[in-house]
Amino acid sequence: RGSYLDGPQVMLLHPGAKSIFISSYNKDRVMIVDSNTGKKIGHLGGDELQRPVGLAAAPGNQLLVSSHKGNAILRYNVSSLEFVDVFAEGHGLWAPTGLAMSSDLILFVGTFFDGLRRYSFWR
């Protein structure tokens, strides 16, 4: 049980997928767990994801993930389990950690560098 996790950081029950997503820091993956059984059903992440921490549900069955070591916010499709694109990077985004999506689709990102950054989801 749980051996597929190494350094779990954040858990998120995504409303579109009805699965639990868990950032596994040391495995460079976001594990997907069945919300009824607790069994692993898959994962997100490849070479693009480095030390995931924060997770946020986004419109259109999307999941935003902070790539702590990659200094970026990545976007995944939770239906296809595929990497979509880099949502945000650069411009001082250093070591992103926590993510929070507001009801008016503003993404707040906690960082080690300057504390808090803000991004509009519809850019």
PDB file of N, CA and C in Angstrom:
ATOM      1  N   ARG A   1       0.822  -1.200   0.000  1.00  0.00           N
ATOM      2  CA  ARG A   1       0.000   0.000   0.000  1.00  0.00           C
ATOM      3  C   ARG A   1       0.858   1.252   0.000  1.00  0.00           C
ATOM      4  N   GLY A   2       0.564   2.179  -0.898  1.00  0.00           N
ATOM      5  CA  GLY A   2       1.230   3.460  -0.904  1.00  0.00           C
ATOM      6  C   GLY A   2       2.653   3.433  -1.408  1.00  0.00           C
ATOM      7  N   SER A   3       3.195   2.265  -1.816  1.00  0.00           N
ATOM      8  CA  SER A   3       4.588   2.193  -2.238  1.00  0.00           C
ATOM      9  C   SER A   3       4.842   2.963  -3.533  1.00  0.00           C
ATOM     10  N   TYR A   4       3.789   3.308  -4.253  1.00  0.00           N
ATOM     11  CA  TYR A   4       3.944   4.085  -5.482  1.00  0.00           C
ATOM     12  C   TYR A   4       4.156   5.570  -5.186  1.00  0.00           C
ATOM     13  N   LEU A   5       4.069   5.950  -3.906  1.00  0.00           N
ATOM     14  CA  LEU A   5       4.302   7.332  -3.512  1.00  0.00           C
ATOM     15  C   LEU A   5       5.672   7.467  -2.874  1.00  0.00           C
ATOM     16  N   ASP A   6       6.351   8.553  -3.185  1.00  0.00           N
ATOM     17  CA  ASP A   6       7.629   8.855  -2.555  1.00  0.00           C
ATOM     18  C   ASP A   6       7.672  10.366  -2.389  1.00  0.00           C
ATOM     19  N   GLY A   7       7.488  10.821  -1.189  1.00  0.00           N
ATOM     20  CA  GLY A   7       7.449  12.255  -0.929  1.00  0.00           C
ATOM     21  C   GLY A   7       6.133  12.880  -1.356  1.00  0.00           C
ATOM     22  N   PRO A   8       4.992  12.279  -0.948  1.00  0.00           N
ATOM     23  CA  PRO A   8       3.707  12.875  -1.326  1.00  0.00           C
ATOM     24  C   PRO A   8       3.577  14.288  -0.754  1.00  0.00           C
ATOM     25  N   GLN A   9       3.078  15.208  -1.554  1.00  0.00           N
ATOM     26  CA  GLN A   9       2.996  16.607  -1.162  1.00  0.00           C
ATOM     27  C   GLN A   9       1.560  17.090  -0.997  1.00  0.00           C
ATOM     28  N   VAL A  10       0.781  16.980  -2.063  1.00  0.00           N
ATOM     29  CA  VAL A  10      -0.575  17.547  -2.074  1.00  0.00           C
ATOM     30  C   VAL A  10      -1.528  16.528  -2.682  1.00  0.00           C
ATOM     31  N   MET A  11      -2.740  16.465  -2.119  1.00  0.00           N
ATOM     32  CA  MET A  11      -3.793  15.623  -2.689  1.00  0.00           C
ATOM     33  C   MET A  11      -4.935  16.514  -3.150  1.00  0.00           C
ATOM     34  N   LEU A  12      -5.541  16.149  -4.278  1.00  0.00           N
ATOM     35  CA  LEU A  12      -6.660  16.913  -4.823  1.00  0.00           C
ATOM     36  C   LEU A  12      -7.680  15.950  -5.406  1.00  0.00           C
ATOM     37  N   LEU A  13      -8.918  16.078  -4.972  1.00  0.00           N
ATOM     38  CA  LEU A  13     -10.004  15.332  -5.589  1.00  0.00           C
ATOM     39  C   LEU A  13     -10.519  16.190  -6.732  1.00  0.00           C
ATOM     40  N   HIS A  14     -10.227  15.773  -7.956  1.00  0.00           N
ATOM     41  CA  HIS A  14     -10.613  16.578  -9.126  1.00  0.00           C
ATOM     42  C   HIS A  14     -12.072  16.288  -9.466  1.00  0.00           C
ATOM     43  N   PRO A  15     -12.908  17.321  -9.521  1.00  0.00           N
ATOM     44  CA  PRO A  15     -14.335  17.101  -9.770  1.00  0.00           C
ATOM     45  C   PRO A  15     -14.638  16.515 -11.146  1.00  0.00           C
ATOM     46  N   GLY A  16     -13.807  16.810 -12.134  1.00  0.00           N
ATOM     47  CA  GLY A  16     -14.045  16.297 -13.482  1.00  0.00           C
ATOM     48  C   GLY A  16     -13.686  14.835 -13.635  1.00  0.00           C
ATOM     49  N   ALA A  17     -12.707  14.368 -12.877  1.00  0.00           N
ATOM     50  CA  ALA A  17     -12.223  12.999 -13.022  1.00  0.00           C
ATOM     51  C   ALA A  17     -12.729  12.079 -11.918  1.00  0.00           C
ATOM     52  N   LYS A  18     -13.198  12.650 -10.811  1.00  0.00           N
ATOM     53  CA  LYS A  18     -13.630  11.869  -9.652  1.00  0.00           C
ATOM     54  C   LYS A  18     -12.536  10.913  -9.177  1.00  0.00           C
ATOM     55  N   SER A  19     -11.307  11.349  -9.355  1.00  0.00           N
ATOM     56  CA  SER A  19     -10.135  10.612  -8.890  1.00  0.00           C
ATOM     57  C   SER A  19      -9.344  11.529  -7.970  1.00  0.00           C
ATOM     58  N   ILE A  20      -8.476  10.909  -7.171  1.00  0.00           N
ATOM     59  CA  ILE A  20      -7.588  11.683  -6.308  1.00  0.00           C
ATOM     60  C   ILE A  20      -6.234  11.779  -6.994  1.00  0.00           C
ATOM     61  N   PHE A  21      -5.720  12.982  -7.102  1.00  0.00           N
ATOM     62  CA  PHE A  21      -4.408  13.233  -7.689  1.00  0.00           C
ATOM     63  C   PHE A  21      -3.458  13.570  -6.540  1.00  0.00           C
ATOM     64  N   ILE A  22      -2.294  12.923  -6.508  1.00  0.00           N
ATOM     65  CA  ILE A  22      -1.328  13.112  -5.431  1.00  0.00           C
ATOM     66  C   ILE A  22       0.031  13.426  -6.042  1.00  0.00           C
ATOM     67  N   SER A  23       0.578  14.593  -5.706  1.00  0.00           N
ATOM     68  CA  SER A  23       1.908  14.921  -6.218  1.00  0.00           C
ATOM     69  C   SER A  23       2.946  14.116  -5.440  1.00  0.00           C
ATOM     70  N   SER A  24       3.754  13.362  -6.182  1.00  0.00           N
ATOM     71  CA  SER A  24       4.789  12.513  -5.602  1.00  0.00           C
ATOM     72  C   SER A  24       6.142  13.146  -5.936  1.00  0.00           C
ATOM     73  N   TYR A  25       6.645  13.944  -5.003  1.00  0.00           N
ATOM     74  CA  TYR A  25       7.804  14.807  -5.210  1.00  0.00           C
ATOM     75  C   TYR A  25       9.036  14.050  -5.707  1.00  0.00           C
ATOM     76  N   ASN A  26       9.366  12.952  -5.064  1.00  0.00           N
ATOM     77  CA  ASN A  26      10.595  12.234  -5.394  1.00  0.00           C
ATOM     78  C   ASN A  26      10.476  11.314  -6.600  1.00  0.00           C
ATOM     79  N   LYS A  27       9.257  11.049  -7.059  1.00  0.00           N
ATOM     80  CA  LYS A  27       9.064  10.220  -8.248  1.00  0.00           C
ATOM     81  C   LYS A  27       8.835  11.067  -9.502  1.00  0.00           C
ATOM     82  N   ASP A  28       8.743  12.405  -9.347  1.00  0.00           N
ATOM     83  CA  ASP A  28       8.481  13.299 -10.487  1.00  0.00           C
ATOM     84  C   ASP A  28       7.219  12.889 -11.243  1.00  0.00           C
ATOM     85  N   ARG A  29       6.193  12.549 -10.485  1.00  0.00           N
ATOM     86  CA  ARG A  29       4.918  12.129 -11.067  1.00  0.00           C
ATOM     87  C   ARG A  29       3.771  12.655 -10.215  1.00  0.00           C
ATOM     88  N   VAL A  30       2.610  12.729 -10.829  1.00  0.00           N
ATOM     89  CA  VAL A  30       1.370  12.933 -10.087  1.00  0.00           C
ATOM     90  C   VAL A  30       0.619  11.618 -10.197  1.00  0.00           C
ATOM     91  N   MET A  31       0.448  10.959  -9.078  1.00  0.00           N
ATOM     92  CA  MET A  31      -0.228   9.666  -9.051  1.00  0.00           C
ATOM     93  C   MET A  31      -1.741   9.876  -9.059  1.00  0.00           C
ATOM     94  N   ILE A  32      -2.434   8.980  -9.735  1.00  0.00           N
ATOM     95  CA  ILE A  32      -3.892   9.038  -9.818  1.00  0.00           C
ATOM     96  C   ILE A  32      -4.432   7.818  -9.077  1.00  0.00           C
ATOM     97  N   VAL A  33      -5.321   8.085  -8.119  1.00  0.00           N
ATOM     98  CA  VAL A  33      -5.843   7.047  -7.249  1.00  0.00           C
ATOM     99  C   VAL A  33      -7.362   7.020  -7.344  1.00  0.00           C
ATOM    100  N   ASP A  34      -7.924   5.834  -7.418  1.00  0.00           N
ATOM    101  CA  ASP A  34      -9.373   5.673  -7.441  1.00  0.00           C
ATOM    102  C   ASP A  34      -9.929   6.164  -6.106  1.00  0.00           C
ATOM    103  N   SER A  35     -10.887   7.091  -6.167  1.00  0.00           N
ATOM    104  CA  SER A  35     -11.412   7.686  -4.927  1.00  0.00           C
ATOM    105  C   SER A  35     -12.272   6.712  -4.128  1.00  0.00           C
ATOM    106  N   ASN A  36     -12.698   5.607  -4.718  1.00  0.00           N
ATOM    107  CA  ASN A  36     -13.488   4.612  -3.987  1.00  0.00           C
ATOM    108  C   ASN A  36     -12.634   3.519  -3.359  1.00  0.00           C
ATOM    109  N   THR A  37     -11.611   3.067  -4.085  1.00  0.00           N
ATOM    110  CA  THR A  37     -10.816   1.923  -3.612  1.00  0.00           C
ATOM    111  C   THR A  37      -9.457   2.327  -3.033  1.00  0.00           C
ATOM    112  N   GLY A  38      -8.950   3.498  -3.407  1.00  0.00           N
ATOM    113  CA  GLY A  38      -7.624   3.917  -2.974  1.00  0.00           C
ATOM    114  C   GLY A  38      -6.498   3.288  -3.766  1.00  0.00           C
ATOM    115  N   LYS A  39      -6.843   2.549  -4.817  1.00  0.00           N
ATOM    116  CA  LYS A  39      -5.825   1.893  -5.639  1.00  0.00           C
ATOM    117  C   LYS A  39      -5.322   2.825  -6.736  1.00  0.00           C
ATOM    118  N   LYS A  40      -4.030   2.707  -7.041  1.00  0.00           N
ATOM    119  CA  LYS A  40      -3.431   3.500  -8.108  1.00  0.00           C
ATOM    120  C   LYS A  40      -4.026   3.073  -9.442  1.00  0.00           C
ATOM    121  N   ILE A  41      -4.427   4.085 -10.240  1.00  0.00           N
ATOM    122  CA  ILE A  41      -4.973   3.781 -11.560  1.00  0.00           C
ATOM    123  C   ILE A  41      -4.165   4.408 -12.689  1.00  0.00           C
ATOM    124  N   GLY A  42      -3.136   5.152 -12.342  1.00  0.00           N
ATOM    125  CA  GLY A  42      -2.294   5.755 -13.375  1.00  0.00           C
ATOM    126  C   GLY A  42      -1.455   6.870 -12.805  1.00  0.00           C
ATOM    127  N   HIS A  43      -0.816   7.620 -13.712  1.00  0.00           N
ATOM    128  CA  HIS A  43      -0.015   8.764 -13.282  1.00  0.00           C
ATOM    129  C   HIS A  43       0.098   9.773 -14.414  1.00  0.00           C
ATOM    130  N   LEU A  44       0.459  10.979 -14.051  1.00  0.00           N
ATOM    131  CA  LEU A  44       0.754  12.053 -14.993  1.00  0.00           C
ATOM    132  C   LEU A  44       2.219  12.405 -14.827  1.00  0.00           C
ATOM    133  N   GLY A  45       2.814  12.864 -15.901  1.00  0.00           N
ATOM    134  CA  GLY A  45       4.173  13.368 -15.825  1.00  0.00           C
ATOM    135  C   GLY A  45       5.155  12.543 -16.617  1.00  0.00           C
ATOM    136  N   GLY A  46       6.090  13.262 -17.197  1.00  0.00           N
ATOM    137  CA  GLY A  46       7.192  12.671 -17.939  1.00  0.00           C
ATOM    138  C   GLY A  46       8.398  13.547 -17.694  1.00  0.00           C
ATOM    139  N   ASP A  47       9.214  13.707 -18.704  1.00  0.00           N
ATOM    140  CA  ASP A  47      10.418  14.526 -18.570  1.00  0.00           C
ATOM    141  C   ASP A  47      10.112  15.982 -18.254  1.00  0.00           C
ATOM    142  N   GLU A  48       8.908  16.440 -18.581  1.00  0.00           N
ATOM    143  CA  GLU A  48       8.546  17.842 -18.355  1.00  0.00           C
ATOM    144  C   GLU A  48       8.321  18.168 -16.876  1.00  0.00           C
ATOM    145  N   LEU A  49       8.040  17.166 -16.062  1.00  0.00           N
ATOM    146  CA  LEU A  49       7.667  17.388 -14.663  1.00  0.00           C
ATOM    147  C   LEU A  49       8.839  17.093 -13.731  1.00  0.00           C
ATOM    148  N   GLN A  50       9.245  18.126 -12.981  1.00  0.00           N
ATOM    149  CA  GLN A  50      10.374  17.983 -12.067  1.00  0.00           C
ATOM    150  C   GLN A  50       9.961  18.431 -10.668  1.00  0.00           C
ATOM    151  N   ARG A  51       9.838  17.467  -9.775  1.00  0.00           N
ATOM    152  CA  ARG A  51       9.489  17.707  -8.377  1.00  0.00           C
ATOM    153  C   ARG A  51       8.129  18.416  -8.222  1.00  0.00           C
ATOM    154  N   PRO A  52       7.049  17.711  -8.546  1.00  0.00           N
ATOM    155  CA  PRO A  52       5.720  18.307  -8.427  1.00  0.00           C
ATOM    156  C   PRO A  52       5.335  18.579  -6.979  1.00  0.00           C
ATOM    157  N   VAL A  53       4.638  19.684  -6.779  1.00  0.00           N
ATOM    158  CA  VAL A  53       4.163  20.021  -5.439  1.00  0.00           C
ATOM    159  C   VAL A  53       2.681  20.366  -5.511  1.00  0.00           C
ATOM    160  N   GLY A  54       2.340  21.593  -5.919  1.00  0.00           N
ATOM    161  CA  GLY A  54       0.966  22.074  -5.893  1.00  0.00           C
ATOM    162  C   GLY A  54       0.104  21.534  -7.014  1.00  0.00           C
ATOM    163  N   LEU A  55      -1.194  21.406  -6.725  1.00  0.00           N
ATOM    164  CA  LEU A  55      -2.185  20.935  -7.694  1.00  0.00           C
ATOM    165  C   LEU A  55      -3.399  21.857  -7.640  1.00  0.00           C
ATOM    166  N   ALA A  56      -3.983  22.124  -8.808  1.00  0.00           N
ATOM    167  CA  ALA A  56      -5.219  22.908  -8.855  1.00  0.00           C
ATOM    168  C   ALA A  56      -6.091  22.415 -10.000  1.00  0.00           C
ATOM    169  N   ALA A  57      -7.372  22.207  -9.708  1.00  0.00           N
ATOM    170  CA  ALA A  57      -8.333  21.855 -10.750  1.00  0.00           C
ATOM    171  C   ALA A  57      -8.606  23.092 -11.589  1.00  0.00           C
ATOM    172  N   ALA A  58      -8.707  22.887 -12.900  1.00  0.00           N
ATOM    173  CA  ALA A  58      -8.974  23.979 -13.826  1.00  0.00           C
ATOM    174  C   ALA A  58     -10.107  23.571 -14.758  1.00  0.00           C
ATOM    175  N   PRO A  59     -10.767  24.548 -15.370  1.00  0.00           N
ATOM    176  CA  PRO A  59     -11.882  24.246 -16.279  1.00  0.00           C
ATOM    177  C   PRO A  59     -11.454  23.338 -17.438  1.00  0.00           C
ATOM    178  N   GLY A  60     -12.430  22.644 -18.005  1.00  0.00           N
ATOM    179  CA  GLY A  60     -12.167  21.810 -19.168  1.00  0.00           C
ATOM    180  C   GLY A  60     -11.427  20.526 -18.819  1.00  0.00           C
ATOM    181  N   ASN A  61     -11.712  19.971 -17.644  1.00  0.00           N
ATOM    182  CA  ASN A  61     -11.043  18.737 -17.204  1.00  0.00           C
ATOM    183  C   ASN A  61      -9.526  18.852 -17.230  1.00  0.00           C
ATOM    184  N   GLN A  62      -9.034  19.981 -16.777  1.00  0.00           N
ATOM    185  CA  GLN A  62      -7.599  20.190 -16.747  1.00  0.00           C
ATOM    186  C   GLN A  62      -7.091  20.237 -15.312  1.00  0.00           C
ATOM    187  N   LEU A  63      -5.818  19.905 -15.173  1.00  0.00           N
ATOM    188  CA  LEU A  63      -5.142  19.943 -13.890  1.00  0.00           C
ATOM    189  C   LEU A  63      -3.873  20.759 -14.051  1.00  0.00           C
ATOM    190  N   LEU A  64      -3.663  21.706 -13.158  1.00  0.00           N
ATOM    191  CA  LEU A  64      -2.441  22.498 -13.145  1.00  0.00           C
ATOM    192  C   LEU A  64      -1.536  21.948 -12.055  1.00  0.00           C
ATOM    193  N   VAL A  65      -0.245  21.813 -12.371  1.00  0.00           N
ATOM    194  CA  VAL A  65       0.723  21.219 -11.462  1.00  0.00           C
ATOM    195  C   VAL A  65       1.942  22.133 -11.372  1.00  0.00           C
ATOM    196  N   SER A  66       2.373  22.437 -10.157  1.00  0.00           N
ATOM    197  CA  SER A  66       3.601  23.225 -10.022  1.00  0.00           C
ATOM    198  C   SER A  66       4.802  22.291 -10.104  1.00  0.00           C
ATOM    199  N   SER A  67       5.687  22.584 -11.052  1.00  0.00           N
ATOM    200  CA  SER A  67       6.927  21.840 -11.232  1.00  0.00           C
ATOM    201  C   SER A  67       8.000  22.614 -10.467  1.00  0.00           C
ATOM    202  N   HIS A  68       8.208  22.233  -9.214  1.00  0.00           N
ATOM    203  CA  HIS A  68       9.053  22.978  -8.282  1.00  0.00           C
ATOM    204  C   HIS A  68      10.464  23.186  -8.819  1.00  0.00           C
ATOM    205  N   LYS A  69      11.112  22.132  -9.251  1.00  0.00           N
ATOM    206  CA  LYS A  69      12.477  22.234  -9.767  1.00  0.00           C
ATOM    207  C   LYS A  69      12.501  22.769 -11.196  1.00  0.00           C
ATOM    208  N   GLY A  70      11.428  22.560 -11.944  1.00  0.00           N
ATOM    209  CA  GLY A  70      11.340  23.036 -13.325  1.00  0.00           C
ATOM    210  C   GLY A  70      10.937  24.501 -13.441  1.00  0.00           C
ATOM    211  N   ASN A  71      10.578  25.137 -12.322  1.00  0.00           N
ATOM    212  CA  ASN A  71      10.189  26.556 -12.298  1.00  0.00           C
ATOM    213  C   ASN A  71       9.070  26.864 -13.289  1.00  0.00           C
ATOM    214  N   ALA A  72       8.038  26.020 -13.266  1.00  0.00           N
ATOM    215  CA  ALA A  72       6.936  26.196 -14.210  1.00  0.00           C
ATOM    216  C   ALA A  72       5.637  25.642 -13.626  1.00  0.00           C
ATOM    217  N   ILE A  73       4.533  26.086 -14.214  1.00  0.00           N
ATOM    218  CA  ILE A  73       3.214  25.524 -13.943  1.00  0.00           C
ATOM    219  C   ILE A  73       2.814  24.783 -15.207  1.00  0.00           C
ATOM    220  N   LEU A  74       2.532  23.492 -15.074  1.00  0.00           N
ATOM    221  CA  LEU A  74       2.211  22.644 -16.215  1.00  0.00           C
ATOM    222  C   LEU A  74       0.726  22.319 -16.232  1.00  0.00           C
ATOM    223  N   ARG A  75       0.214  22.113 -17.459  1.00  0.00           N
ATOM    224  CA  ARG A  75      -1.212  21.813 -17.623  1.00  0.00           C
ATOM    225  C   ARG A  75      -1.377  20.402 -18.207  1.00  0.00           C
ATOM    226  N   TYR A  76      -2.266  19.627 -17.586  1.00  0.00           N
ATOM    227  CA  TYR A  76      -2.563  18.263 -18.030  1.00  0.00           C
ATOM    228  C   TYR A  76      -4.060  18.113 -18.256  1.00  0.00           C
ATOM    229  N   ASN A  77      -4.430  17.231 -19.157  1.00  0.00           N
ATOM    230  CA  ASN A  77      -5.823  16.881 -19.384  1.00  0.00           C
ATOM    231  C   ASN A  77      -6.115  15.642 -18.547  1.00  0.00           C
ATOM    232  N   VAL A  78      -7.081  15.724 -17.641  1.00  0.00           N
ATOM    233  CA  VAL A  78      -7.348  14.595 -16.746  1.00  0.00           C
ATOM    234  C   VAL A  78      -8.176  13.501 -17.410  1.00  0.00           C
ATOM    235  N   SER A  79      -8.781  13.782 -18.566  1.00  0.00           N
ATOM    236  CA  SER A  79      -9.520  12.738 -19.288  1.00  0.00           C
ATOM    237  C   SER A  79      -8.567  11.857 -20.088  1.00  0.00           C
ATOM    238  N   SER A  80      -7.648  12.494 -20.826  1.00  0.00           N
ATOM    239  CA  SER A  80      -6.705  11.746 -21.667  1.00  0.00           C
ATOM    240  C   SER A  80      -5.412  11.401 -20.927  1.00  0.00           C
ATOM    241  N   LEU A  81      -5.189  12.026 -19.767  1.00  0.00           N
ATOM    242  CA  LEU A  81      -3.968  11.864 -18.971  1.00  0.00           C
ATOM    243  C   LEU A  81      -2.721  12.323 -19.727  1.00  0.00           C
ATOM    244  N   GLU A  82      -2.898  13.315 -20.597  1.00  0.00           N
ATOM    245  CA  GLU A  82      -1.787  13.812 -21.401  1.00  0.00           C
ATOM    246  C   GLU A  82      -1.349  15.205 -20.961  1.00  0.00           C
ATOM    247  N   PHE A  83      -0.062  15.459 -21.141  1.00  0.00           N
ATOM    248  CA  PHE A  83       0.500  16.785 -20.933  1.00  0.00           C
ATOM    249  C   PHE A  83      -0.032  17.703 -22.039  1.00  0.00           C
ATOM    250  N   VAL A  84      -0.543  18.884 -21.663  1.00  0.00           N
ATOM    251  CA  VAL A  84      -1.092  19.827 -22.636  1.00  0.00           C
ATOM    252  C   VAL A  84      -0.054  20.876 -23.008  1.00  0.00           C
ATOM    253  N   ASP A  85       0.404  21.636 -21.995  1.00  0.00           N
ATOM    254  CA  ASP A  85       1.384  22.680 -22.271  1.00  0.00           C
ATOM    255  C   ASP A  85       1.927  23.260 -20.971  1.00  0.00           C
ATOM    256  N   VAL A  86       2.849  24.200 -21.136  1.00  0.00           N
ATOM    257  CA  VAL A  86       3.362  24.957 -19.996  1.00  0.00           C
ATOM    258  C   VAL A  86       2.437  26.151 -19.818  1.00  0.00           C
ATOM    259  N   PHE A  87       1.760  26.210 -18.696  1.00  0.00           N
ATOM    260  CA  PHE A  87       0.823  27.302 -18.433  1.00  0.00           C
ATOM    261  C   PHE A  87       1.556  28.589 -18.080  1.00  0.00           C
ATOM    262  N   ALA A  88       2.616  28.484 -17.276  1.00  0.00           N
ATOM    263  CA  ALA A  88       3.386  29.676 -16.878  1.00  0.00           C
ATOM    264  C   ALA A  88       4.819  29.273 -16.564  1.00  0.00           C
ATOM    265  N   GLU A  89       5.757  30.153 -16.934  1.00  0.00           N
ATOM    266  CA  GLU A  89       7.166  29.962 -16.606  1.00  0.00           C
ATOM    267  C   GLU A  89       7.890  31.288 -16.782  1.00  0.00           C
ATOM    268  N   GLY A  90       9.091  31.364 -16.250  1.00  0.00           N
ATOM    269  CA  GLY A  90       9.900  32.572 -16.410  1.00  0.00           C
ATOM    270  C   GLY A  90       9.363  33.751 -15.627  1.00  0.00           C
ATOM    271  N   HIS A  91       9.883  34.915 -15.915  1.00  0.00           N
ATOM    272  CA  HIS A  91       9.458  36.169 -15.282  1.00  0.00           C
ATOM    273  C   HIS A  91       9.467  36.080 -13.761  1.00  0.00           C
ATOM    274  N   GLY A  92      10.506  35.437 -13.218  1.00  0.00           N
ATOM    275  CA  GLY A  92      10.635  35.364 -11.769  1.00  0.00           C
ATOM    276  C   GLY A  92       9.884  34.225 -11.104  1.00  0.00           C
ATOM    277  N   LEU A  93       9.249  33.355 -11.883  1.00  0.00           N
ATOM    278  CA  LEU A  93       8.562  32.204 -11.288  1.00  0.00           C
ATOM    279  C   LEU A  93       9.635  31.192 -10.889  1.00  0.00           C
ATOM    280  N   TRP A  94      10.002  31.216  -9.614  1.00  0.00           N
ATOM    281  CA  TRP A  94      11.089  30.383  -9.125  1.00  0.00           C
ATOM    282  C   TRP A  94      10.592  29.469  -8.015  1.00  0.00           C
ATOM    283  N   ALA A  95      10.765  28.173  -8.216  1.00  0.00           N
ATOM    284  CA  ALA A  95      10.392  27.153  -7.234  1.00  0.00           C
ATOM    285  C   ALA A  95       8.929  27.268  -6.792  1.00  0.00           C
ATOM    286  N   PRO A  96       7.990  27.149  -7.746  1.00  0.00           N
ATOM    287  CA  PRO A  96       6.581  27.238  -7.368  1.00  0.00           C
ATOM    288  C   PRO A  96       6.161  26.073  -6.479  1.00  0.00           C
ATOM    289  N   THR A  97       5.314  26.371  -5.524  1.00  0.00           N
ATOM    290  CA  THR A  97       4.860  25.349  -4.585  1.00  0.00           C
ATOM    291  C   THR A  97       3.331  25.263  -4.617  1.00  0.00           C
ATOM    292  N   GLY A  98       2.657  25.992  -3.751  1.00  0.00           N
ATOM    293  CA  GLY A  98       1.208  25.900  -3.632  1.00  0.00           C
ATOM    294  C   GLY A  98       0.460  26.574  -4.769  1.00  0.00           C
ATOM    295  N   LEU A  99      -0.685  25.989  -5.123  1.00  0.00           N
ATOM    296  CA  LEU A  99      -1.567  26.547  -6.156  1.00  0.00           C
ATOM    297  C   LEU A  99      -2.983  26.672  -5.599  1.00  0.00           C
ATOM    298  N   ALA A 100      -3.672  27.744  -5.990  1.00  0.00           N
ATOM    299  CA  ALA A 100      -5.085  27.917  -5.634  1.00  0.00           C
ATOM    300  C   ALA A 100      -5.786  28.635  -6.778  1.00  0.00           C
ATOM    301  N   MET A 101      -6.893  28.070  -7.247  1.00  0.00           N
ATOM    302  CA  MET A 101      -7.684  28.667  -8.326  1.00  0.00           C
ATOM    303  C   MET A 101      -8.909  29.337  -7.714  1.00  0.00           C
ATOM    304  N   SER A 102      -9.109  30.618  -8.028  1.00  0.00           N
ATOM    305  CA  SER A 102     -10.276  31.337  -7.513  1.00  0.00           C
ATOM    306  C   SER A 102     -11.488  31.066  -8.397  1.00  0.00           C
ATOM    307  N   SER A 103     -12.646  31.443  -7.922  1.00  0.00           N
ATOM    308  CA  SER A 103     -13.874  31.224  -8.686  1.00  0.00           C
ATOM    309  C   SER A 103     -13.926  32.063  -9.965  1.00  0.00           C
ATOM    310  N   ASP A 104     -13.156  33.171 -10.009  1.00  0.00           N
ATOM    311  CA  ASP A 104     -13.102  33.974 -11.239  1.00  0.00           C
ATOM    312  C   ASP A 104     -11.877  33.626 -12.081  1.00  0.00           C
ATOM    313  N   LEU A 105     -11.362  32.398 -11.890  1.00  0.00           N
ATOM    314  CA  LEU A 105     -10.288  31.810 -12.700  1.00  0.00           C
ATOM    315  C   LEU A 105      -8.975  32.577 -12.644  1.00  0.00           C
ATOM    316  N   ILE A 106      -8.625  33.015 -11.450  1.00  0.00           N
ATOM    317  CA  ILE A 106      -7.307  33.574 -11.198  1.00  0.00           C
ATOM    318  C   ILE A 106      -6.515  32.488 -10.462  1.00  0.00           C
ATOM    319  N   LEU A 107      -5.344  32.151 -10.979  1.00  0.00           N
ATOM    320  CA  LEU A 107      -4.493  31.163 -10.338  1.00  0.00           C
ATOM    321  C   LEU A 107      -3.477  31.877  -9.465  1.00  0.00           C
ATOM    322  N   PHE A 108      -3.467  31.537  -8.192  1.00  0.00           N
ATOM    323  CA  PHE A 108      -2.488  32.070  -7.251  1.00  0.00           C
ATOM    324  C   PHE A 108      -1.415  30.998  -7.044  1.00  0.00           C
ATOM    325  N   VAL A 109      -0.150  31.422  -7.127  1.00  0.00           N
ATOM    326  CA  VAL A 109       0.980  30.504  -7.024  1.00  0.00           C
ATOM    327  C   VAL A 109       1.904  30.976  -5.915  1.00  0.00           C
ATOM    328  N   GLY A 110       2.138  30.105  -4.943  1.00  0.00           N
ATOM    329  CA  GLY A 110       3.128  30.388  -3.916  1.00  0.00           C
ATOM    330  C   GLY A 110       4.499  29.972  -4.426  1.00  0.00           C
ATOM    331  N   THR A 111       5.510  30.820  -4.198  1.00  0.00           N
ATOM    332  CA  THR A 111       6.868  30.505  -4.641  1.00  0.00           C
ATOM    333  C   THR A 111       7.856  30.723  -3.500  1.00  0.00           C
ATOM    334  N   PHE A 112       9.004  30.082  -3.608  1.00  0.00           N
ATOM    335  CA  PHE A 112      10.071  30.300  -2.627  1.00  0.00           C
ATOM    336  C   PHE A 112      10.697  31.665  -2.807  1.00  0.00           C
ATOM    337  N   PHE A 113      10.638  32.221  -4.030  1.00  0.00           N
ATOM    338  CA  PHE A 113      11.355  33.454  -4.330  1.00  0.00           C
ATOM    339  C   PHE A 113      10.680  34.691  -3.758  1.00  0.00           C
ATOM    340  N   ASP A 114       9.439  34.927  -4.158  1.00  0.00           N
ATOM    341  CA  ASP A 114       8.799  36.166  -3.724  1.00  0.00           C
ATOM    342  C   ASP A 114       7.428  35.975  -3.097  1.00  0.00           C
ATOM    343  N   GLY A 115       7.090  34.765  -2.753  1.00  0.00           N
ATOM    344  CA  GLY A 115       5.880  34.537  -1.991  1.00  0.00           C
ATOM    345  C   GLY A 115       4.635  34.217  -2.776  1.00  0.00           C
ATOM    346  N   LEU A 116       4.140  35.145  -3.589  1.00  0.00           N
ATOM    347  CA  LEU A 116       2.859  34.929  -4.254  1.00  0.00           C
ATOM    348  C   LEU A 116       2.835  35.579  -5.630  1.00  0.00           C
ATOM    349  N   ARG A 117       2.385  34.812  -6.606  1.00  0.00           N
ATOM    350  CA  ARG A 117       2.195  35.330  -7.966  1.00  0.00           C
ATOM    351  C   ARG A 117       0.757  35.050  -8.373  1.00  0.00           C
ATOM    352  N   ARG A 118       0.298  35.809  -9.349  1.00  0.00           N
ATOM    353  CA  ARG A 118      -1.098  35.716  -9.782  1.00  0.00           C
ATOM    354  C   ARG A 118      -1.141  35.635 -11.303  1.00  0.00           C
ATOM    355  N   TYR A 119      -1.943  34.682 -11.825  1.00  0.00           N
ATOM    356  CA  TYR A 119      -2.077  34.484 -13.273  1.00  0.00           C
ATOM    357  C   TYR A 119      -3.543  34.350 -13.620  1.00  0.00           C
ATOM    358  N   SER A 120      -3.943  34.943 -14.720  1.00  0.00           N
ATOM    359  CA  SER A 120      -5.306  34.759 -15.221  1.00  0.00           C
ATOM    360  C   SER A 120      -5.348  33.449 -16.004  1.00  0.00           C
ATOM    361  N   PHE A 121      -6.324  32.609 -15.682  1.00  0.00           N
ATOM    362  CA  PHE A 121      -6.419  31.331 -16.387  1.00  0.00           C
ATOM    363  C   PHE A 121      -6.696  31.553 -17.866  1.00  0.00           C
ATOM    364  N   TRP A 122      -7.534  32.511 -18.188  1.00  0.00           N
ATOM    365  CA  TRP A 122      -7.875  32.793 -19.599  1.00  0.00           C
ATOM    366  C   TRP A 122      -6.963  33.903 -20.095  1.00  0.00           C
ATOM    367  N   ARG A 123      -5.774  33.533 -20.536  1.00  0.00           N
ATOM    368  CA  ARG A 123      -4.826  34.546 -20.998  1.00  0.00           C
ATOM    369  C   ARG A 123      -4.803  34.649 -22.495  1.00  0.00           C
TER     370      ARG A 123
END
